[in-house]
């Protein structure tokens, strides 16, 4: 995948996450998408970071003491973590949902 295609796919994923979580934004969560970085800030000061890492061609997620590196699988149309097979959207829904004690879907 070339950088232009990566940028388009990553931008679409970050926007989808921002829109999905932005719809439930409340006093416990603030979403801020700036360029290739989506910052999820919680009322207790904790931040989760989702960013498009163009040099690696991956989307990275840092949530608490855990980190994921997601590769785009064109055949599936999904971002999958090579380390454990986690899918990007379901992983974000799970970690944010766990933090807010909510059941989430993206």
Protein backbone atom coordinates (compact mmCIF):
# COMPACT_ATOMS: atom_id res chain seq x y z
CA UNK A 1 0.00 0.00 0.00
CA UNK A 2 1.41 3.40 -0.89
CA UNK A 3 1.42 6.39 1.47
CA UNK A 4 -1.53 8.07 -0.24
CA UNK A 5 -3.74 5.00 0.11
CA UNK A 6 -2.60 4.53 3.71
CA UNK A 7 -3.42 8.16 4.50
CA UNK A 8 -6.92 7.82 3.05
CA UNK A 9 -7.68 4.56 4.87
CA UNK A 10 -6.22 5.74 8.18
CA UNK A 11 -8.02 9.10 7.98
CA UNK A 12 -11.33 7.29 7.34
CA UNK A 13 -10.74 5.01 10.36
CA UNK A 14 -9.83 7.89 12.68
CA UNK A 15 -12.87 9.88 11.55
CA UNK A 16 -15.14 6.88 12.10
CA UNK A 17 -13.82 6.42 15.63
CA UNK A 18 -14.13 10.16 16.35
CA UNK A 19 -17.73 10.26 15.08
CA UNK A 20 -18.68 7.07 16.91
CA UNK A 21 -17.27 8.16 20.24
CA UNK A 22 -18.19 11.81 19.72
CA UNK A 23 -21.84 10.79 19.66
CA UNK A 24 -21.53 9.60 23.25
CA UNK A 25 -19.22 12.34 24.47
CA UNK A 26 -20.20 13.50 27.89
CA UNK A 27 -18.54 14.74 31.02
CA UNK A 28 -16.35 11.61 31.22
CA UNK A 29 -14.90 11.67 27.69
CA UNK A 30 -13.54 14.27 25.28
CA UNK A 31 -12.46 13.33 21.74
CA UNK A 32 -9.98 15.52 19.88
CA UNK A 33 -8.91 14.65 16.34
CA UNK A 34 -5.96 16.76 15.21
CA UNK A 35 -4.33 15.63 12.00
CA UNK A 36 -3.29 12.00 12.35
CA UNK A 37 -3.82 11.83 16.12
CA UNK A 38 -7.06 11.15 17.97
CA UNK A 39 -6.81 11.86 21.70
CA UNK A 40 -9.46 10.40 23.99
CA UNK A 41 -9.35 12.26 27.30
CA UNK A 42 -11.22 11.02 30.34
CA UNK A 43 -12.34 13.09 33.31
CA UNK A 44 -9.82 11.38 35.59
CA UNK A 45 -6.91 12.66 33.47
CA UNK A 46 -6.27 9.39 31.64
CA UNK A 47 -5.70 9.67 27.88
CA UNK A 48 -5.88 7.03 25.17
CA UNK A 49 -4.10 7.88 21.93
CA UNK A 50 -4.95 6.58 18.46
CA UNK A 51 -2.61 7.68 15.71
CA UNK A 52 -1.87 6.95 12.08
CA UNK A 53 1.82 6.09 11.92
CA UNK A 54 2.60 6.58 8.24
CA UNK A 55 6.23 5.47 8.44
CA UNK A 56 5.12 2.06 9.72
CA UNK A 57 1.91 1.99 7.67
CA UNK A 58 -0.04 1.21 10.82
CA UNK A 59 -2.60 2.68 13.20
CA UNK A 60 -1.29 2.64 16.75
CA UNK A 61 -3.39 2.61 19.91
CA UNK A 62 -2.06 3.35 23.39
CA UNK A 63 -4.60 2.72 26.13
CA UNK A 64 -3.36 2.60 29.70
CA UNK A 65 -0.44 0.19 29.91
CA UNK A 66 -1.40 -1.56 26.65
CA UNK A 67 -0.46 -0.80 23.06
CA UNK A 68 -1.52 -2.18 19.69
CA UNK A 69 -0.18 -1.81 16.15
CA UNK A 70 -2.90 -2.39 13.55
CA UNK A 71 -2.17 -3.28 9.91
CA UNK A 72 -4.75 -2.82 7.19
CA UNK A 73 -5.92 -6.07 5.62
CA UNK A 74 -7.31 -5.11 2.24
CA UNK A 75 -8.99 -8.48 1.68
CA UNK A 76 -11.00 -7.99 4.87
CA UNK A 77 -11.29 -4.20 4.79
CA UNK A 78 -10.26 -4.08 8.46
CA UNK A 79 -7.36 -2.97 10.65
CA UNK A 80 -5.95 -5.98 12.52
CA UNK A 81 -3.25 -6.14 15.21
CA UNK A 82 -0.57 -8.51 13.97
CA UNK A 83 0.46 -9.44 17.52
CA UNK A 84 -2.87 -10.87 18.66
CA UNK A 85 -5.47 -10.54 15.87
CA UNK A 86 -7.51 -7.81 17.61
CA UNK A 87 -9.58 -5.61 15.29
CA UNK A 88 -9.22 -1.82 15.63
CA UNK A 89 -12.84 -0.70 16.07
CA UNK A 90 -13.84 -3.50 18.41
CA UNK A 91 -10.68 -2.99 20.48
CA UNK A 92 -11.35 0.72 20.89
CA UNK A 93 -15.00 0.04 21.75
CA UNK A 94 -13.87 -2.50 24.36
CA UNK A 95 -11.15 -0.43 26.05
CA UNK A 96 -13.20 2.79 26.08
CA UNK A 97 -16.31 0.89 27.17
CA UNK A 98 -14.37 -0.77 29.98
CA UNK A 99 -13.04 2.62 31.11
CA UNK A 100 -16.52 4.22 31.08
CA UNK A 101 -18.31 1.07 32.28
CA UNK A 102 -20.49 1.08 29.16
CA UNK A 103 -21.24 -1.40 26.39
CA UNK A 104 -20.00 0.25 23.16
CA UNK A 105 -19.98 -0.57 19.47
CA UNK A 106 -18.25 1.32 16.69
